Amino acid sequence: MGWADWPWYTTLDDFSADFDVDQWFGINVFLRDGDDMYRSYYTTSRAAEDLSSVWGLLDITPFGRQEEWQDAPDGVPQDPTGSWTRRHDAYTPEELAGGRTS
């Protein structure tokens, strides 16, 4: 489903402390716009329990699930609500290679 190419990151240096994760656990979500970087979400400790599913993680990203009902900047592709929830074997080769469904 293309998840192997999704950019998830972790750090082992001072970066985490610089963004309020000085020990244990925290989730930061960033948006890069050219050379600019914005932190759009941060949580830690028990507040992270709401993110225990993939849906919670998608919902905190800057563009959400990219469904057509959501506000999005011009040029951000959006799909019909729920159109991306399919069984693992119900994707076309193009979609598995990173193409959009609409």
N, C-alpha and C. Protein backbone atom coordinates (compact mmCIF):
# COMPACT_ATOMS: atom_id res chain seq x y z
N MET A 1 0.81 -1.20 0.00
CA MET A 1 0.00 0.00 0.00
C MET A 1 0.85 1.26 0.00
N GLY A 2 2.15 1.13 -0.14
CA GLY A 2 3.01 2.29 -0.22
C GLY A 2 3.49 2.86 1.11
N TRP A 3 3.13 2.24 2.22
CA TRP A 3 3.52 2.78 3.52
C TRP A 3 5.03 2.72 3.74
N ALA A 4 5.71 1.84 3.05
CA ALA A 4 7.16 1.73 3.25
C ALA A 4 7.87 3.01 2.81
N ASP A 5 7.25 3.79 1.94
CA ASP A 5 7.87 5.01 1.44
C ASP A 5 7.42 6.25 2.20
N TRP A 6 6.54 6.09 3.21
CA TRP A 6 6.02 7.22 3.98
C TRP A 6 7.11 7.75 4.90
N PRO A 7 7.36 9.06 4.95
CA PRO A 7 8.48 9.58 5.75
C PRO A 7 8.15 9.75 7.23
N TRP A 8 8.39 8.71 8.03
CA TRP A 8 8.28 8.80 9.49
C TRP A 8 9.68 8.96 10.03
N TYR A 9 9.86 9.79 11.05
CA TYR A 9 11.19 10.06 11.57
C TYR A 9 11.23 9.96 13.09
N THR A 10 12.38 9.62 13.61
CA THR A 10 12.65 9.71 15.04
C THR A 10 14.04 10.29 15.19
N THR A 11 14.34 10.79 16.39
CA THR A 11 15.63 11.44 16.60
C THR A 11 16.30 10.90 17.86
N LEU A 12 17.60 11.00 17.88
CA LEU A 12 18.38 10.60 19.04
C LEU A 12 19.32 11.72 19.49
N ASP A 13 19.08 12.94 19.02
CA ASP A 13 19.96 14.05 19.34
C ASP A 13 19.17 15.15 20.08
N ASP A 14 19.65 16.38 20.06
CA ASP A 14 19.01 17.48 20.77
C ASP A 14 17.73 17.98 20.10
N PHE A 15 17.43 17.51 18.91
CA PHE A 15 16.24 17.97 18.20
C PHE A 15 14.98 17.78 19.03
N SER A 16 14.82 16.61 19.63
CA SER A 16 13.62 16.34 20.42
C SER A 16 13.49 17.31 21.58
N ALA A 17 14.54 17.53 22.31
CA ALA A 17 14.50 18.47 23.44
C ALA A 17 14.15 19.88 22.97
N ASP A 18 14.63 20.25 21.80
CA ASP A 18 14.33 21.57 21.25
C ASP A 18 12.84 21.74 20.97
N PHE A 19 12.12 20.63 20.81
CA PHE A 19 10.69 20.67 20.52
C PHE A 19 9.87 20.05 21.63
N ASP A 20 10.28 20.27 22.87
CA ASP A 20 9.51 19.92 24.07
C ASP A 20 9.46 18.43 24.39
N VAL A 21 10.28 17.62 23.76
CA VAL A 21 10.34 16.20 24.07
C VAL A 21 11.71 15.94 24.70
N ASP A 22 11.85 16.30 25.98
CA ASP A 22 13.16 16.17 26.62
C ASP A 22 13.40 14.77 27.17
N GLN A 23 12.34 14.03 27.42
CA GLN A 23 12.51 12.62 27.80
C GLN A 23 11.22 11.88 27.49
N TRP A 24 11.32 10.60 27.42
CA TRP A 24 10.20 9.69 27.17
C TRP A 24 9.62 9.85 25.78
N PHE A 25 8.46 10.46 25.65
CA PHE A 25 7.70 10.32 24.42
C PHE A 25 6.98 11.61 24.07
N GLY A 26 6.94 11.93 22.80
CA GLY A 26 6.16 13.05 22.31
C GLY A 26 5.96 12.91 20.82
N ILE A 27 4.88 13.48 20.32
CA ILE A 27 4.60 13.46 18.89
C ILE A 27 4.56 14.89 18.39
N ASN A 28 5.41 15.19 17.43
CA ASN A 28 5.42 16.46 16.72
C ASN A 28 5.01 16.20 15.28
N VAL A 29 4.20 17.09 14.72
CA VAL A 29 3.85 17.03 13.31
C VAL A 29 4.32 18.33 12.68
N PHE A 30 5.08 18.21 11.60
CA PHE A 30 5.62 19.38 10.92
C PHE A 30 5.13 19.45 9.49
N LEU A 31 5.08 20.66 8.97
CA LEU A 31 4.78 20.91 7.56
C LEU A 31 5.93 21.70 6.98
N ARG A 32 6.51 21.20 5.91
CA ARG A 32 7.58 21.93 5.23
C ARG A 32 6.99 22.61 4.01
N ASP A 33 7.24 23.89 3.90
CA ASP A 33 6.79 24.69 2.76
C ASP A 33 8.03 25.36 2.19
N GLY A 34 8.63 24.72 1.20
CA GLY A 34 9.90 25.21 0.66
C GLY A 34 10.97 25.12 1.73
N ASP A 35 11.60 26.25 2.06
CA ASP A 35 12.63 26.28 3.10
C ASP A 35 12.05 26.55 4.49
N ASP A 36 10.74 26.80 4.57
CA ASP A 36 10.11 27.08 5.87
C ASP A 36 9.56 25.80 6.48
N MET A 37 9.64 25.71 7.80
CA MET A 37 9.13 24.55 8.54
C MET A 37 8.20 25.05 9.63
N TYR A 38 7.02 24.42 9.73
CA TYR A 38 6.03 24.80 10.72
C TYR A 38 5.66 23.59 11.56
N ARG A 39 5.57 23.78 12.87
CA ARG A 39 5.06 22.71 13.72
C ARG A 39 3.56 22.91 13.82
N SER A 40 2.80 21.93 13.35
CA SER A 40 1.35 22.07 13.32
C SER A 40 0.66 21.31 14.44
N TYR A 41 1.40 20.45 15.16
CA TYR A 41 0.77 19.67 16.23
C TYR A 41 1.84 19.15 17.16
N TYR A 42 1.50 19.08 18.45
CA TYR A 42 2.39 18.48 19.44
C TYR A 42 1.55 17.92 20.58
N THR A 43 1.90 16.72 21.04
CA THR A 43 1.30 16.16 22.24
C THR A 43 2.28 15.18 22.87
N THR A 44 2.02 14.84 24.10
CA THR A 44 2.87 13.91 24.82
C THR A 44 2.05 13.18 25.89
N SER A 45 2.65 12.21 26.49
CA SER A 45 2.08 11.49 27.62
C SER A 45 0.73 10.88 27.28
N ARG A 46 -0.22 10.97 28.19
CA ARG A 46 -1.52 10.31 27.99
C ARG A 46 -2.33 10.91 26.84
N ALA A 47 -2.04 12.14 26.48
CA ALA A 47 -2.77 12.76 25.37
C ALA A 47 -2.52 12.02 24.06
N ALA A 48 -1.43 11.27 23.97
CA ALA A 48 -1.12 10.53 22.74
C ALA A 48 -2.01 9.31 22.55
N GLU A 49 -2.76 8.91 23.55
CA GLU A 49 -3.63 7.74 23.42
C GLU A 49 -4.67 7.93 22.33
N ASP A 50 -5.09 9.16 22.10
CA ASP A 50 -6.06 9.41 21.03
C ASP A 50 -5.49 9.11 19.65
N LEU A 51 -4.18 8.96 19.56
CA LEU A 51 -3.53 8.71 18.28
C LEU A 51 -3.17 7.25 18.09
N SER A 52 -3.83 6.37 18.81
CA SER A 52 -3.46 4.95 18.75
C SER A 52 -3.96 4.25 17.50
N SER A 53 -4.66 4.95 16.64
CA SER A 53 -5.06 4.36 15.36
C SER A 53 -4.48 5.21 14.23
N VAL A 54 -4.43 4.64 13.06
CA VAL A 54 -3.93 5.37 11.90
C VAL A 54 -4.82 6.58 11.60
N TRP A 55 -6.12 6.48 11.91
CA TRP A 55 -7.04 7.59 11.61
C TRP A 55 -6.68 8.81 12.45
N GLY A 56 -6.35 8.60 13.71
CA GLY A 56 -5.95 9.71 14.56
C GLY A 56 -4.67 10.36 14.08
N LEU A 57 -3.73 9.55 13.61
CA LEU A 57 -2.49 10.10 13.08
C LEU A 57 -2.73 10.89 11.80
N LEU A 58 -3.56 10.36 10.92
CA LEU A 58 -3.86 11.10 9.68
C LEU A 58 -4.56 12.42 9.98
N ASP A 59 -5.45 12.42 10.98
CA ASP A 59 -6.22 13.62 11.27
C ASP A 59 -5.38 14.77 11.82
N ILE A 60 -4.21 14.50 12.39
CA ILE A 60 -3.40 15.60 12.91
C ILE A 60 -2.38 16.11 11.89
N THR A 61 -2.29 15.47 10.73
CA THR A 61 -1.36 15.97 9.71
C THR A 61 -1.93 17.26 9.11
N PRO A 62 -1.08 18.12 8.57
CA PRO A 62 -1.55 19.41 8.08
C PRO A 62 -2.70 19.33 7.06
N PHE A 63 -2.72 18.30 6.22
CA PHE A 63 -3.79 18.20 5.23
C PHE A 63 -4.80 17.12 5.56
N GLY A 64 -4.76 16.56 6.77
CA GLY A 64 -5.75 15.58 7.20
C GLY A 64 -5.79 14.36 6.30
N ARG A 65 -6.97 13.84 6.12
CA ARG A 65 -7.15 12.65 5.27
C ARG A 65 -7.29 13.01 3.80
N GLN A 66 -7.27 14.28 3.49
CA GLN A 66 -7.42 14.79 2.12
C GLN A 66 -8.72 14.35 1.48
N GLU A 67 -9.80 14.42 2.26
CA GLU A 67 -11.11 14.12 1.72
C GLU A 67 -11.76 15.42 1.22
N GLU A 68 -12.68 15.28 0.26
CA GLU A 68 -13.21 16.45 -0.43
C GLU A 68 -13.99 17.41 0.46
N TRP A 69 -14.48 16.98 1.62
CA TRP A 69 -15.22 17.87 2.51
C TRP A 69 -14.30 18.78 3.33
N GLN A 70 -12.99 18.47 3.36
CA GLN A 70 -12.06 19.25 4.16
C GLN A 70 -11.57 20.47 3.41
N ASP A 71 -11.33 21.56 4.16
CA ASP A 71 -10.71 22.73 3.56
C ASP A 71 -9.27 22.39 3.23
N ALA A 72 -8.82 22.77 2.07
CA ALA A 72 -7.45 22.50 1.66
C ALA A 72 -6.99 23.60 0.71
N PRO A 73 -5.71 23.91 0.73
CA PRO A 73 -5.18 24.91 -0.21
C PRO A 73 -5.37 24.45 -1.66
N ASP A 74 -5.42 25.41 -2.56
CA ASP A 74 -5.51 25.08 -3.99
C ASP A 74 -4.36 24.16 -4.37
N GLY A 75 -4.66 23.15 -5.17
CA GLY A 75 -3.64 22.24 -5.65
C GLY A 75 -3.43 21.00 -4.78
N VAL A 76 -4.05 20.98 -3.58
CA VAL A 76 -3.93 19.79 -2.72
C VAL A 76 -4.98 18.79 -3.17
N PRO A 77 -4.55 17.61 -3.65
CA PRO A 77 -5.53 16.64 -4.15
C PRO A 77 -6.43 16.13 -3.02
N GLN A 78 -7.72 15.93 -3.35
CA GLN A 78 -8.67 15.41 -2.38
C GLN A 78 -9.50 14.33 -3.04
N ASP A 79 -9.88 13.34 -2.25
CA ASP A 79 -10.67 12.22 -2.74
C ASP A 79 -12.04 12.22 -2.07
N PRO A 80 -13.02 11.52 -2.66
CA PRO A 80 -14.32 11.38 -1.99
C PRO A 80 -14.14 10.74 -0.61
N THR A 81 -14.98 11.13 0.33
CA THR A 81 -14.90 10.65 1.70
C THR A 81 -14.90 9.12 1.74
N GLY A 82 -13.90 8.56 2.40
CA GLY A 82 -13.81 7.12 2.58
C GLY A 82 -13.37 6.32 1.37
N SER A 83 -13.09 6.99 0.26
CA SER A 83 -12.75 6.24 -0.96
C SER A 83 -11.42 5.51 -0.85
N TRP A 84 -10.58 5.90 0.10
CA TRP A 84 -9.27 5.28 0.24
C TRP A 84 -9.27 4.12 1.22
N THR A 85 -10.41 3.84 1.85
CA THR A 85 -10.46 2.69 2.77
C THR A 85 -10.92 1.45 2.02
N ARG A 86 -9.95 0.65 1.67
CA ARG A 86 -10.21 -0.59 0.94
C ARG A 86 -9.34 -1.70 1.51
N ARG A 87 -9.66 -2.90 1.18
CA ARG A 87 -8.82 -4.02 1.59
C ARG A 87 -7.45 -3.91 0.92
N HIS A 88 -6.46 -4.48 1.54
CA HIS A 88 -5.08 -4.36 1.04
C HIS A 88 -4.92 -4.84 -0.39
N ASP A 89 -5.79 -5.75 -0.85
CA ASP A 89 -5.64 -6.28 -2.20
C ASP A 89 -6.59 -5.63 -3.20
N ALA A 90 -7.23 -4.51 -2.81
CA ALA A 90 -8.19 -3.85 -3.69
C ALA A 90 -7.61 -2.58 -4.33
N TYR A 91 -6.29 -2.48 -4.39
CA TYR A 91 -5.64 -1.33 -5.00
C TYR A 91 -5.07 -1.70 -6.36
N THR A 92 -5.08 -0.72 -7.26
CA THR A 92 -4.48 -0.95 -8.58
C THR A 92 -2.97 -0.83 -8.45
N PRO A 93 -2.22 -1.37 -9.42
CA PRO A 93 -0.75 -1.21 -9.39
C PRO A 93 -0.33 0.26 -9.36
N GLU A 94 -1.07 1.13 -10.05
CA GLU A 94 -0.73 2.55 -10.06
C GLU A 94 -0.91 3.16 -8.67
N GLU A 95 -1.97 2.79 -7.96
CA GLU A 95 -2.19 3.31 -6.61
C GLU A 95 -1.11 2.81 -5.65
N LEU A 96 -0.72 1.56 -5.80
CA LEU A 96 0.33 1.02 -4.94
C LEU A 96 1.66 1.70 -5.20
N ALA A 97 1.84 2.22 -6.41
CA ALA A 97 3.07 2.92 -6.76
C ALA A 97 3.05 4.39 -6.35
N GLY A 98 1.95 4.83 -5.71
CA GLY A 98 1.89 6.20 -5.22
C GLY A 98 0.92 7.10 -5.95
N GLY A 99 0.12 6.57 -6.87
CA GLY A 99 -0.87 7.39 -7.58
C GLY A 99 -2.08 7.68 -6.72
N ARG A 100 -2.85 8.69 -7.08
CA ARG A 100 -4.07 9.07 -6.36
C ARG A 100 -5.25 8.30 -6.93
N THR A 101 -6.36 8.26 -6.17
CA THR A 101 -7.53 7.51 -6.61
C THR A 101 -8.47 8.36 -7.44
N SER A 102 -8.29 9.66 -7.45
CA SER A 102 -9.21 10.49 -8.25
C SER A 102 -8.45 11.35 -9.24
